PDB file of N, CA and C in Angstrom:
ATOM      1  N   MET A   1      81.487-196.052 -41.718  1.00  0.00           N
ATOM      2  CA  MET A   1      82.809-196.875 -41.601  1.00  0.00           C
ATOM      3  C   MET A   1      83.772-195.801 -41.694  1.00  0.00           C
ATOM      4  N   ARG A   2      84.817-195.789 -40.866  1.00  0.00           N
ATOM      5  CA  ARG A   2      85.903-194.788 -40.927  1.00  0.00           C
ATOM      6  C   ARG A   2      86.568-195.111 -42.354  1.00  0.00           C
ATOM      7  N   LYS A   3      87.138-194.021 -42.832  1.00  0.00           N
ATOM      8  CA  LYS A   3      87.978-194.040 -44.016  1.00  0.00           C
ATOM      9  C   LYS A   3      89.106-194.954 -43.977  1.00  0.00           C
ATOM     10  N   SER A   4      89.915-194.922 -42.809  1.00  0.00           N
ATOM     11  CA  SER A   4      91.109-195.788 -42.709  1.00  0.00           C
ATOM     12  C   SER A   4      90.702-197.254 -42.542  1.00  0.00           C
ATOM     13  N   HIS A   5      89.514-197.532 -41.834  1.00  0.00           N
ATOM     14  CA  HIS A   5      89.028-198.861 -41.825  1.00  0.00           C
ATOM     15  C   HIS A   5      88.657-199.286 -43.257  1.00  0.00           C
ATOM     16  N   LEU A   6      87.891-198.541 -43.934  1.00  0.00           N
ATOM     17  CA  LEU A   6      87.464-199.016 -45.231  1.00  0.00           C
ATOM     18  C   LEU A   6      88.708-199.275 -46.123  1.00  0.00           C
ATOM     19  N   LEU A   7      89.728-198.400 -46.079  1.00  0.00           N
ATOM     20  CA  LEU A   7      90.965-198.742 -46.779  1.00  0.00           C
ATOM     21  C   LEU A   7      91.608-200.002 -46.374  1.00  0.00           C
ATOM     22  N   PHE A   8      91.642-200.331 -45.111  1.00  0.00           N
ATOM     23  CA  PHE A   8      92.204-201.599 -44.674  1.00  0.00           C
ATOM     24  C   PHE A   8      91.398-202.717 -45.150  1.00  0.00           C
ATOM     25  N   VAL A   9      90.061-202.634 -45.067  1.00  0.00           N
ATOM     26  CA  VAL A   9      89.303-203.710 -45.594  1.00  0.00           C
ATOM     27  C   VAL A   9      89.515-203.966 -47.036  1.00  0.00           C
ATOM     28  N   CYS A  10      89.528-202.868 -47.857  1.00  0.00           N
ATOM     29  CA  CYS A  10      89.641-202.952 -49.336  1.00  0.00           C
ATOM     30  C   CYS A  10      91.114-203.558 -49.591  1.00  0.00           C
ATOM     31  N   THR A  11      92.067-203.115 -48.819  1.00  0.00           N
ATOM     32  CA  THR A  11      93.418-203.763 -49.002  1.00  0.00           C
ATOM     33  C   THR A  11      93.380-205.258 -48.736  1.00  0.00           C
ATOM     34  N   ILE A  12      92.742-205.640 -47.680  1.00  0.00           N
ATOM     35  CA  ILE A  12      92.598-207.048 -47.322  1.00  0.00           C
ATOM     36  C   ILE A  12      91.869-207.839 -48.489  1.00  0.00           C
ATOM     37  N   ALA A  13      90.865-207.203 -48.882  1.00  0.00           N
ATOM     38  CA  ALA A  13      90.066-207.879 -49.982  1.00  0.00           C
ATOM     39  C   ALA A  13      91.040-208.036 -51.240  1.00  0.00           C
ATOM     40  N   ALA A  14      91.692-206.924 -51.591  1.00  0.00           N
ATOM     41  CA  ALA A  14      92.479-207.010 -52.765  1.00  0.00           C
ATOM     42  C   ALA A  14      93.557-208.049 -52.535  1.00  0.00           C
ATOM     43  N   LEU A  15      94.184-208.070 -51.374  1.00  0.00           N
ATOM     44  CA  LEU A  15      95.187-209.107 -51.092  1.00  0.00           C
ATOM     45  C   LEU A  15      94.715-210.502 -51.222  1.00  0.00           C
ATOM     46  N   LEU A  16      93.454-210.775 -50.687  1.00  0.00           N
ATOM     47  CA  LEU A  16      92.854-212.122 -50.839  1.00  0.00           C
ATOM     48  C   LEU A  16      92.646-212.465 -52.282  1.00  0.00           C
ATOM     49  N   TRP A  17      92.082-211.419 -52.978  1.00  0.00           N
ATOM     50  CA  TRP A  17      91.799-211.691 -54.358  1.00  0.00           C
ATOM     51  C   TRP A  17      93.005-211.973 -55.219  1.00  0.00           C
ATOM     52  N   THR A  18      94.077-211.261 -54.949  1.00  0.00           N
ATOM     53  CA  THR A  18      95.249-211.460 -55.931  1.00  0.00           C
ATOM     54  C   THR A  18      96.169-212.548 -55.370  1.00  0.00           C
ATOM     55  N   THR A  19      96.018-213.000 -54.154  1.00  0.00           N
ATOM     56  CA  THR A  19      96.946-214.044 -53.717  1.00  0.00           C
ATOM     57  C   THR A  19      96.243-215.385 -53.566  1.00  0.00           C
ATOM     58  N   ALA A  20      94.944-215.377 -53.457  1.00  0.00           N
ATOM     59  CA  ALA A  20      94.267-216.655 -53.502  1.00  0.00           C
ATOM     60  C   ALA A  20      93.668-216.935 -54.856  1.00  0.00           C
ATOM     61  N   ALA A  21      93.423-218.069 -55.149  1.00  0.00           N
ATOM     62  CA  ALA A  21      92.730-218.376 -56.532  1.00  0.00           C
ATOM     63  C   ALA A  21      91.326-217.845 -56.409  1.00  0.00           C
ATOM     64  N   PRO A  22      90.972-217.047 -57.391  1.00  0.00           N
ATOM     65  CA  PRO A  22      89.550-216.375 -57.330  1.00  0.00           C
ATOM     66  C   PRO A  22      88.468-217.417 -57.014  1.00  0.00           C
ATOM     67  N   ALA A  23      88.576-218.614 -57.577  1.00  0.00           N
ATOM     68  CA  ALA A  23      87.587-219.578 -57.182  1.00  0.00           C
ATOM     69  C   ALA A  23      87.480-219.953 -55.768  1.00  0.00           C
ATOM     70  N   GLN A  24      88.666-220.025 -55.134  1.00  0.00           N
ATOM     71  CA  GLN A  24      88.725-220.352 -53.759  1.00  0.00           C
ATOM     72  C   GLN A  24      88.207-219.355 -52.780  1.00  0.00           C
ATOM     73  N   TYR A  25      88.466-218.131 -53.189  1.00  0.00           N
ATOM     74  CA  TYR A  25      87.946-216.851 -52.390  1.00  0.00           C
ATOM     75  C   TYR A  25      86.511-216.782 -52.571  1.00  0.00           C
ATOM     76  N   ALA A  26      85.988-216.951 -53.759  1.00  0.00           N
ATOM     77  CA  ALA A  26      84.522-216.893 -54.038  1.00  0.00           C
ATOM     78  C   ALA A  26      83.857-218.040 -53.299  1.00  0.00           C
ATOM     79  N   SER A  27      84.401-219.153 -53.249  1.00  0.00           N
ATOM     80  CA  SER A  27      83.763-220.377 -52.557  1.00  0.00           C
ATOM     81  C   SER A  27      83.775-220.034 -51.020  1.00  0.00           C
ATOM     82  N   PHE A  28      84.819-219.509 -50.369  1.00  0.00           N
ATOM     83  CA  PHE A  28      84.968-219.063 -49.061  1.00  0.00           C
ATOM     84  C   PHE A  28      83.836-218.102 -48.725  1.00  0.00           C
ATOM     85  N   SER A  29      83.689-217.040 -49.484  1.00  0.00           N
ATOM     86  CA  SER A  29      82.622-216.030 -49.350  1.00  0.00           C
ATOM     87  C   SER A  29      81.214-216.557 -49.466  1.00  0.00           C
ATOM     88  N   ARG A  30      81.166-217.380 -50.504  1.00  0.00           N
ATOM     89  CA  ARG A  30      79.753-217.924 -50.701  1.00  0.00           C
ATOM     90  C   ARG A  30      79.244-218.827 -49.590  1.00  0.00           C
ATOM     91  N   GLN A  31      80.197-219.591 -49.094  1.00  0.00           N
ATOM     92  CA  GLN A  31      79.896-220.486 -47.868  1.00  0.00           C
ATOM     93  C   GLN A  31      79.403-219.620 -46.694  1.00  0.00           C
ATOM     94  N   LEU A  32      80.153-218.413 -46.457  1.00  0.00           N
ATOM     95  CA  LEU A  32      79.717-217.618 -45.274  1.00  0.00           C
ATOM     96  C   LEU A  32      78.355-216.905 -45.492  1.00  0.00           C
ATOM     97  N   VAL A  33      78.170-216.439 -46.713  1.00  0.00           N
ATOM     98  CA  VAL A  33      76.805-215.828 -47.119  1.00  0.00           C
ATOM     99  C   VAL A  33      75.682-216.883 -46.920  1.00  0.00           C
ATOM    100  N   ASN A  34      75.974-218.015 -47.406  1.00  0.00           N
ATOM    101  CA  ASN A  34      74.985-219.161 -47.273  1.00  0.00           C
ATOM    102  C   ASN A  34      74.579-219.553 -45.828  1.00  0.00           C
ATOM    103  N   ARG A  35      75.615-219.110 -45.024  1.00  0.00           N
ATOM    104  CA  ARG A  35      75.416-219.427 -43.652  1.00  0.00           C
ATOM    105  C   ARG A  35      74.736-218.343 -42.792  1.00  0.00           C
ATOM    106  N   GLY A  36      74.394-217.277 -43.545  1.00  0.00           N
ATOM    107  CA  GLY A  36      73.601-216.063 -42.962  1.00  0.00           C
ATOM    108  C   GLY A  36      74.442-214.940 -42.566  1.00  0.00           C
ATOM    109  N   LEU A  37      75.707-214.963 -42.995  1.00  0.00           N
ATOM    110  CA  LEU A  37      76.436-213.684 -42.781  1.00  0.00           C
ATOM    111  C   LEU A  37      76.396-212.617 -43.866  1.00  0.00           C
ATOM    112  N   VAL A  38      76.486-211.438 -43.648  1.00  0.00           N
ATOM    113  CA  VAL A  38      76.589-210.382 -44.624  1.00  0.00           C
ATOM    114  C   VAL A  38      78.041-210.030 -44.799  1.00  0.00           C
ATOM    115  N   GLN A  39      78.380-209.186 -45.940  1.00  0.00           N
ATOM    116  CA  GLN A  39      79.620-208.914 -46.274  1.00  0.00           C
ATOM    117  C   GLN A  39      80.333-208.076 -44.954  1.00  0.00           C
ATOM    118  N   ALA A  40      79.686-207.264 -44.262  1.00  0.00           N
ATOM    119  CA  ALA A  40      80.309-206.534 -43.096  1.00  0.00           C
ATOM    120  C   ALA A  40      80.652-207.606 -42.032  1.00  0.00           C
ATOM    121  N   ASP A  41      79.833-208.660 -41.885  1.00  0.00           N
ATOM    122  CA  ASP A  41      80.288-209.679 -40.905  1.00  0.00           C
ATOM    123  C   ASP A  41      81.525-210.463 -41.357  1.00  0.00           C
ATOM    124  N   ILE A  42      81.575-210.783 -42.691  1.00  0.00           N
ATOM    125  CA  ILE A  42      82.757-211.414 -43.086  1.00  0.00           C
ATOM    126  C   ILE A  42      83.946-210.556 -42.988  1.00  0.00           C
ATOM    127  N   ASP A  43      83.806-209.320 -43.376  1.00  0.00           N
ATOM    128  CA  ASP A  43      85.011-208.394 -43.198  1.00  0.00           C
ATOM    129  C   ASP A  43      85.503-208.359 -41.719  1.00  0.00           C
ATOM    130  N   MET A  44      84.513-208.349 -40.651  1.00  0.00           N
ATOM    131  CA  MET A  44      84.984-208.379 -39.331  1.00  0.00           C
ATOM    132  C   MET A  44      85.629-209.701 -38.929  1.00  0.00           C
ATOM    133  N   MET A  45      85.112-210.723 -39.423  1.00  0.00           N
ATOM    134  CA  MET A  45      85.655-211.998 -39.229  1.00  0.00           C
ATOM    135  C   MET A  45      87.152-212.081 -39.696  1.00  0.00           C
ATOM    136  N   ALA A  46      87.194-211.668 -41.013  1.00  0.00           N
ATOM    137  CA  ALA A  46      88.498-211.626 -41.602  1.00  0.00           C
ATOM    138  C   ALA A  46      89.591-210.748 -40.891  1.00  0.00           C
ATOM    139  N   ASP A  47      89.035-209.500 -40.483  1.00  0.00           N
ATOM    140  CA  ASP A  47      89.910-208.634 -39.667  1.00  0.00           C
ATOM    141  C   ASP A  47      90.440-209.216 -38.378  1.00  0.00           C
ATOM    142  N   ALA A  48      89.526-209.960 -37.604  1.00  0.00           N
ATOM    143  CA  ALA A  48      89.899-210.594 -36.423  1.00  0.00           C
ATOM    144  C   ALA A  48      90.814-211.684 -36.656  1.00  0.00           C
ATOM    145  N   ALA A  49      90.666-212.454 -37.772  1.00  0.00           N
ATOM    146  CA  ALA A  49      91.730-213.515 -38.070  1.00  0.00           C
ATOM    147  C   ALA A  49      93.002-212.914 -38.478  1.00  0.00           C
ATOM    148  N   SER A  50      93.100-211.985 -39.237  1.00  0.00           N
ATOM    149  CA  SER A  50      94.253-211.324 -39.648  1.00  0.00           C
ATOM    150  C   SER A  50      95.041-210.737 -38.408  1.00  0.00           C
ATOM    151  N   GLU A  51      94.367-210.237 -37.435  1.00  0.00           N
ATOM    152  CA  GLU A  51      95.079-209.834 -36.428  1.00  0.00           C
ATOM    153  C   GLU A  51      95.811-210.838 -35.521  1.00  0.00           C
ATOM    154  N   LEU A  52      95.301-212.021 -35.547  1.00  0.00           N
ATOM    155  CA  LEU A  52      95.913-213.167 -34.922  1.00  0.00           C
ATOM    156  C   LEU A  52      97.186-213.584 -35.583  1.00  0.00           C
ATOM    157  N   PHE A  53      97.234-213.668 -36.901  1.00  0.00           N
ATOM    158  CA  PHE A  53      98.303-214.318 -37.573  1.00  0.00           C
ATOM    159  C   PHE A  53      99.240-213.335 -38.305  1.00  0.00           C
ATOM    160  N   SER A  54      98.952-212.129 -38.354  1.00  0.00           N
ATOM    161  CA  SER A  54      99.739-211.204 -39.101  1.00  0.00           C
ATOM    162  C   SER A  54     100.963-210.712 -38.429  1.00  0.00           C
ATOM    163  N   SER A  55     101.060-210.930 -37.026  1.00  0.00           N
ATOM    164  CA  SER A  55     102.158-210.586 -36.231  1.00  0.00           C
ATOM    165  C   SER A  55     103.310-211.630 -36.399  1.00  0.00           C
ATOM    166  N   ASN A  56     103.110-212.645 -37.150  1.00  0.00           N
ATOM    167  CA  ASN A  56     104.116-213.752 -37.233  1.00  0.00           C
ATOM    168  C   ASN A  56     104.541-214.331 -35.935  1.00  0.00           C
ATOM    169  N   THR A  57     103.673-214.079 -34.837  1.00  0.00           N
ATOM    170  CA  THR A  57     103.931-214.790 -33.605  1.00  0.00           C
ATOM    171  C   THR A  57     102.798-215.752 -33.220  1.00  0.00           C
ATOM    172  N   ALA A  58     102.003-216.125 -34.254  1.00  0.00           N
ATOM    173  CA  ALA A  58     100.885-216.938 -33.983  1.00  0.00           C
ATOM    174  C   ALA A  58     101.227-218.231 -33.329  1.00  0.00           C
ATOM    175  N   ALA A  59     100.313-218.671 -32.414  1.00  0.00           N
ATOM    176  CA  ALA A  59     100.472-219.966 -31.779  1.00  0.00           C
ATOM    177  C   ALA A  59      99.203-220.659 -31.554  1.00  0.00           C
ATOM    178  N   ALA A  60      99.158-221.902 -31.652  1.00  0.00           N
ATOM    179  CA  ALA A  60      98.005-222.633 -31.353  1.00  0.00           C
ATOM    180  C   ALA A  60      97.329-222.161 -30.135  1.00  0.00           C
ATOM    181  N   GLY A  61      96.138-222.024 -30.000  1.00  0.00           N
ATOM    182  CA  GLY A  61      95.384-221.573 -29.002  1.00  0.00           C
ATOM    183  C   GLY A  61      95.133-220.077 -28.919  1.00  0.00           C
ATOM    184  N   ASP A  62      95.794-219.237 -29.638  1.00  0.00           N
ATOM    185  CA  ASP A  62      95.505-217.809 -29.856  1.00  0.00           C
ATOM    186  C   ASP A  62      94.002-217.571 -30.275  1.00  0.00           C
ATOM    187  N   THR A  63      93.288-216.854 -29.534  1.00  0.00           N
ATOM    188  CA  THR A  63      91.925-216.604 -29.758  1.00  0.00           C
ATOM    189  C   THR A  63      91.560-215.019 -29.757  1.00  0.00           C
ATOM    190  N   THR A  64      90.591-214.674 -30.606  1.00  0.00           N
ATOM    191  CA  THR A  64      89.975-213.379 -30.443  1.00  0.00           C
ATOM    192  C   THR A  64      88.499-213.469 -30.757  1.00  0.00           C
ATOM    193  N   LYS A  65      87.804-212.452 -30.425  1.00  0.00           N
ATOM    194  CA  LYS A  65      86.362-212.385 -30.662  1.00  0.00           C
ATOM    195  C   LYS A  65      86.098-211.233 -31.572  1.00  0.00           C
ATOM    196  N   TRP A  66      84.944-211.318 -32.291  1.00  0.00           N
ATOM    197  CA  TRP A  66      84.415-210.182 -33.070  1.00  0.00           C
ATOM    198  C   TRP A  66      82.901-210.100 -32.910  1.00  0.00           C
ATOM    199  N   SER A  67      82.254-208.970 -33.183  1.00  0.00           N
ATOM    200  CA  SER A  67      80.858-208.892 -33.171  1.00  0.00           C
ATOM    201  C   SER A  67      80.454-207.743 -33.973  1.00  0.00           C
ATOM    202  N   ASN A  68      79.215-207.831 -34.667  1.00  0.00           N
ATOM    203  CA  ASN A  68      78.750-206.830 -35.431  1.00  0.00           C
ATOM    204  C   ASN A  68      77.389-206.369 -34.823  1.00  0.00           C
ATOM    205  N   GLU A  69      77.421-205.278 -34.111  1.00  0.00           N
ATOM    206  CA  GLU A  69      76.242-204.708 -33.488  1.00  0.00           C
ATOM    207  C   GLU A  69      75.028-204.505 -34.473  1.00  0.00           C
ATOM    208  N   LYS A  70      75.405-204.085 -35.699  1.00  0.00           N
ATOM    209  CA  LYS A  70      74.393-203.758 -36.709  1.00  0.00           C
ATOM    210  C   LYS A  70      73.611-204.949 -37.185  1.00  0.00           C
ATOM    211  N   THR A  71      74.258-206.052 -37.161  1.00  0.00           N
ATOM    212  CA  THR A  71      73.646-207.264 -37.839  1.00  0.00           C
ATOM    213  C   THR A  71      73.324-208.377 -36.717  1.00  0.00           C
ATOM    214  N   GLY A  72      73.965-208.265 -35.570  1.00  0.00           N
ATOM    215  CA  GLY A  72      73.685-209.161 -34.509  1.00  0.00           C
ATOM    216  C   GLY A  72      74.628-210.436 -34.676  1.00  0.00           C
ATOM    217  N   ALA A  73      75.458-210.499 -35.629  1.00  0.00           N
ATOM    218  CA  ALA A  73      76.333-211.632 -35.901  1.00  0.00           C
ATOM    219  C   ALA A  73      77.546-211.358 -34.960  1.00  0.00           C
ATOM    220  N   PHE A  74      78.141-212.544 -34.471  1.00  0.00           N
ATOM    221  CA  PHE A  74      79.404-212.534 -33.626  1.00  0.00           C
ATOM    222  C   PHE A  74      80.036-213.830 -33.691  1.00  0.00           C
ATOM    223  N   GLY A  75      81.252-213.861 -33.268  1.00  0.00           N
ATOM    224  CA  GLY A  75      82.006-215.121 -33.268  1.00  0.00           C
ATOM    225  C   GLY A  75      83.365-215.098 -32.625  1.00  0.00           C
ATOM    226  N   THR A  76      84.010-216.149 -32.780  1.00  0.00           N
ATOM    227  CA  THR A  76      85.509-216.178 -32.228  1.00  0.00           C
ATOM    228  C   THR A  76      86.361-216.753 -33.358  1.00  0.00           C
ATOM    229  N   VAL A  77      87.589-216.380 -33.298  1.00  0.00           N
ATOM    230  CA  VAL A  77      88.473-216.928 -34.197  1.00  0.00           C
ATOM    231  C   VAL A  77      89.620-217.591 -33.380  1.00  0.00           C
ATOM    232  N   GLU A  78      90.020-218.787 -33.745  1.00  0.00           N
ATOM    233  CA  GLU A  78      91.186-219.475 -32.981  1.00  0.00           C
ATOM    234  C   GLU A  78      92.172-220.101 -33.881  1.00  0.00           C
ATOM    235  N   ILE A  79      93.396-219.875 -33.575  1.00  0.00           N
ATOM    236  CA  ILE A  79      94.391-220.614 -34.269  1.00  0.00           C
ATOM    237  C   ILE A  79      94.382-222.072 -33.678  1.00  0.00           C
ATOM    238  N   THR A  80      94.226-223.101 -34.415  1.00  0.00           N
ATOM    239  CA  THR A  80      94.180-224.364 -33.967  1.00  0.00           C
ATOM    240  C   THR A  80      95.529-225.209 -34.179  1.00  0.00           C
ATOM    241  N   GLU A  81      96.250-224.665 -35.123  1.00  0.00           N
ATOM    242  CA  GLU A  81      97.437-225.497 -35.526  1.00  0.00           C
ATOM    243  C   GLU A  81      98.499-224.519 -36.298  1.00  0.00           C
ATOM    244  N   VAL A  82      99.678-224.701 -35.899  1.00  0.00           N
ATOM    245  CA  VAL A  82     100.792-223.958 -36.753  1.00  0.00           C
ATOM    246  C   VAL A  82     101.766-224.953 -37.176  1.00  0.00           C
ATOM    247  N   ALA A  83     101.937-225.146 -38.419  1.00  0.00           N
ATOM    248  CA  ALA A  83     102.905-226.132 -38.941  1.00  0.00           C
ATOM    249  C   ALA A  83     103.727-225.440 -40.064  1.00  0.00           C
ATOM    250  N   GLY A  84     104.953-225.338 -39.677  1.00  0.00           N
ATOM    251  CA  GLY A  84     105.709-224.609 -40.745  1.00  0.00           C
ATOM    252  C   GLY A  84     105.388-223.247 -41.009  1.00  0.00           C
ATOM    253  N   ASN A  85     105.051-222.950 -42.256  1.00  0.00           N
ATOM    254  CA  ASN A  85     104.555-221.675 -42.637  1.00  0.00           C
ATOM    255  C   ASN A  85     102.993-221.563 -42.817  1.00  0.00           C
ATOM    256  N   CYS A  86     102.322-222.535 -42.306  1.00  0.00           N
ATOM    257  CA  CYS A  86     100.968-222.621 -42.385  1.00  0.00           C
ATOM    258  C   CYS A  86     100.240-222.632 -41.025  1.00  0.00           C
ATOM    259  N   ILE A  87      99.009-222.243 -41.031  1.00  0.00           N
ATOM    260  CA  ILE A  87      98.138-222.185 -39.771  1.00  0.00           C
ATOM    261  C   ILE A  87      96.917-222.716 -40.224  1.00  0.00           C
ATOM    262  N   ARG A  88      96.092-223.219 -39.211  1.00  0.00           N
ATOM    263  CA  ARG A  88      94.751-223.615 -39.359  1.00  0.00           C
ATOM    264  C   ARG A  88      93.992-222.705 -38.378  1.00  0.00           C
ATOM    265  N   VAL A  89      92.982-222.113 -38.909  1.00  0.00           N
ATOM    266  CA  VAL A  89      92.095-221.142 -38.209  1.00  0.00           C
ATOM    267  C   VAL A  89      90.673-221.659 -38.131  1.00  0.00           C
ATOM    268  N   LEU A  90      90.158-221.745 -36.995  1.00  0.00           N
ATOM    269  CA  LEU A  90      88.687-222.199 -36.652  1.00  0.00           C
ATOM    270  C   LEU A  90      87.900-220.918 -36.457  1.00  0.00           C
ATOM    271  N   HIS A  91      86.925-220.758 -37.286  1.00  0.00           N
ATOM    272  CA  HIS A  91      85.885-219.714 -37.028  1.00  0.00           C
ATOM    273  C   HIS A  91      84.590-220.314 -36.413  1.00  0.00           C
ATOM    274  N   LEU A  92      84.247-219.824 -35.282  1.00  0.00           N
ATOM    275  CA  LEU A  92      83.020-220.232 -34.567  1.00  0.00           C
ATOM    276  C   LEU A  92      82.189-219.007 -34.657  1.00  0.00           C
ATOM    277  N   PHE A  93      81.014-219.036 -35.239  1.00  0.00           N
ATOM    278  CA  PHE A  93      80.187-217.880 -35.424  1.00  0.00           C
ATOM    279  C   PHE A  93      78.727-218.091 -35.377  1.00  0.00           C
ATOM    280  N   ARG A  94      77.956-217.090 -35.181  1.00  0.00           N
ATOM    281  CA  ARG A  94      76.593-217.113 -35.220  1.00  0.00           C
ATOM    282  C   ARG A  94      75.931-215.925 -35.843  1.00  0.00           C
ATOM    283  N   ALA A  95      75.238-216.215 -37.034  1.00  0.00           N
ATOM    284  CA  ALA A  95      74.422-215.108 -37.604  1.00  0.00           C
ATOM    285  C   ALA A  95      73.140-214.947 -36.909  1.00  0.00           C
ATOM    286  N   LYS A  96      72.654-213.742 -36.964  1.00  0.00           N
ATOM    287  CA  LYS A  96      71.355-213.484 -36.155  1.00  0.00           C
ATOM    288  C   LYS A  96      70.236-214.401 -36.704  1.00  0.00           C
ATOM    289  N   SER A  97      70.295-214.605 -38.020  1.00  0.00           N
ATOM    290  CA  SER A  97      69.217-215.477 -38.613  1.00  0.00           C
ATOM    291  C   SER A  97      69.310-216.950 -38.419  1.00  0.00           C
ATOM    292  N   ARG A  98      70.203-217.370 -37.708  1.00  0.00           N
ATOM    293  CA  ARG A  98      70.441-218.731 -37.338  1.00  0.00           C
ATOM    294  C   ARG A  98      70.290-218.922 -35.836  1.00  0.00           C
ATOM    295  N   THR A  99      69.842-220.118 -35.486  1.00  0.00           N
ATOM    296  CA  THR A  99      69.609-220.387 -34.009  1.00  0.00           C
ATOM    297  C   THR A  99      70.863-221.013 -33.434  1.00  0.00           C
ATOM    298  N   GLN A 100      71.728-221.603 -34.194  1.00  0.00           N
ATOM    299  CA  GLN A 100      72.785-222.384 -33.609  1.00  0.00           C
ATOM    300  C   GLN A 100      74.139-221.769 -34.262  1.00  0.00           C
ATOM    301  N   ALA A 101      75.212-221.941 -33.411  1.00  0.00           N
ATOM    302  CA  ALA A 101      76.491-221.492 -33.865  1.00  0.00           C
ATOM    303  C   ALA A 101      77.053-222.437 -34.961  1.00  0.00           C
ATOM    304  N   GLN A 102      77.879-221.914 -35.794  1.00  0.00           N
ATOM    305  CA  GLN A 102      78.351-222.621 -36.978  1.00  0.00           C
ATOM    306  C   GLN A 102      79.868-222.544 -36.919  1.00  0.00           C
ATOM    307  N   THR A 103      80.533-223.451 -37.672  1.00  0.00           N
ATOM    308  CA  THR A 103      82.071-223.407 -37.682  1.00  0.00           C
ATOM    309  C   THR A 103      82.472-223.596 -39.046  1.00  0.00           C
ATOM    310  N   LEU A 104      83.582-222.969 -39.265  1.00  0.00           N
ATOM    311  CA  LEU A 104      84.321-223.068 -40.548  1.00  0.00           C
ATOM    312  C   LEU A 104      85.865-223.095 -40.283  1.00  0.00           C
ATOM    313  N   GLN A 105      86.528-224.028 -40.811  1.00  0.00           N
ATOM    314  CA  GLN A 105      88.000-224.068 -40.567  1.00  0.00           C
ATOM    315  C   GLN A 105      88.678-223.921 -41.877  1.00  0.00           C
ATOM    316  N   ILE A 106      89.663-223.094 -41.921  1.00  0.00           N
ATOM    317  CA  ILE A 106      90.447-222.741 -43.088  1.00  0.00           C
ATOM    318  C   ILE A 106      91.903-222.846 -42.826  1.00  0.00           C
ATOM    319  N   LYS A 107      92.780-223.054 -43.873  1.00  0.00           N
ATOM    320  CA  LYS A 107      94.107-223.160 -43.799  1.00  0.00           C
ATOM    321  C   LYS A 107      94.741-221.932 -44.528  1.00  0.00           C
ATOM    322  N   ARG A 108      95.627-221.379 -44.002  1.00  0.00           N
ATOM    323  CA  ARG A 108      96.382-220.229 -44.657  1.00  0.00           C
ATOM    324  C   ARG A 108      97.833-220.491 -44.622  1.00  0.00           C
ATOM    325  N   CYS A 109      98.617-220.250 -45.572  1.00  0.00           N
ATOM    326  CA  CYS A 109     100.054-220.433 -45.613  1.00  0.00           C
ATOM    327  C   CYS A 109     100.777-219.143 -45.961  1.00  0.00           C
ATOM    328  N   LEU A 110     101.788-218.873 -45.314  1.00  0.00           N
ATOM    329  CA  LEU A 110     102.604-217.587 -45.642  1.00  0.00           C
ATOM    330  C   LEU A 110     103.546-217.932 -46.885  1.00  0.00           C
ATOM    331  N   ILE A 111     103.188-217.202 -47.999  1.00  0.00           N
ATOM    332  CA  ILE A 111     103.894-217.411 -49.232  1.00  0.00           C
ATOM    333  C   ILE A 111     104.374-216.124 -49.735  1.00  0.00           C
ATOM    334  N   ASP A 112     105.642-215.899 -49.882  1.00  0.00           N
ATOM    335  CA  ASP A 112     106.304-214.651 -50.315  1.00  0.00           C
ATOM    336  C   ASP A 112     105.677-213.402 -49.600  1.00  0.00           C
ATOM    337  N   GLY A 113     105.525-213.619 -48.219  1.00  0.00           N
ATOM    338  CA  GLY A 113     105.122-212.473 -47.421  1.00  0.00           C
ATOM    339  C   GLY A 113     103.610-212.259 -47.297  1.00  0.00           C
ATOM    340  N   ASN A 114     102.896-213.104 -47.919  1.00  0.00           N
ATOM    341  CA  ASN A 114     101.357-212.966 -47.988  1.00  0.00           C
ATOM    342  C   ASN A 114     100.776-214.186 -47.423  1.00  0.00           C
ATOM    343  N   TRP A 115      99.765-214.076 -46.508  1.00  0.00           N
ATOM    344  CA  TRP A 115      98.948-215.204 -46.055  1.00  0.00           C
ATOM    345  C   TRP A 115      97.867-215.458 -47.043  1.00  0.00           C
ATOM    346  N   VAL A 116      97.976-216.680 -47.684  1.00  0.00           N
ATOM    347  CA  VAL A 116      97.104-217.094 -48.645  1.00  0.00           C
ATOM    348  C   VAL A 116      96.212-218.245 -48.258  1.00  0.00           C
ATOM    349  N   LEU A 117      94.899-218.444 -48.773  1.00  0.00           N
ATOM    350  CA  LEU A 117      94.175-219.407 -48.563  1.00  0.00           C
ATOM    351  C   LEU A 117      94.718-220.834 -49.146  1.00  0.00           C
ATOM    352  N   SER A 118      94.797-221.750 -48.468  1.00  0.00           N
ATOM    353  CA  SER A 118      95.350-223.053 -48.875  1.00  0.00           C
ATOM    354  C   SER A 118      94.368-224.153 -48.725  1.00  0.00           C
ATOM    355  N   PRO A 119      94.518-225.230 -49.651  1.00  0.00           N
ATOM    356  CA  PRO A 119      93.615-226.422 -49.487  1.00  0.00           C
ATOM    357  C   PRO A 119      93.866-227.230 -48.390  1.00  0.00           C
TER     358      PRO A 119
END
């Protein structure tokens, strides 16, 4: 992993940890691990999602793809709703160890300049 990418991933992880309730972030990560993803897959999924909404021009229907050649996992990320300072993000993904695609929908809100996980 390139040093600049590692720094970015660590920054995102730190941001998530400090801005989201620790239990919320742990629950989110645990759900993904239980669905067959490894940390590198989760990092790629999070990077893809943050590219969609970090520009502050997010719109429903915006979509991007990610894939991890090392693990065989891949997926898409789509913004399904924008309401005020919040967005809903739909993750459609497949872990190599699973035979079917899986989904996870999360909500993030922009609070004090940071996108945080929201219930």
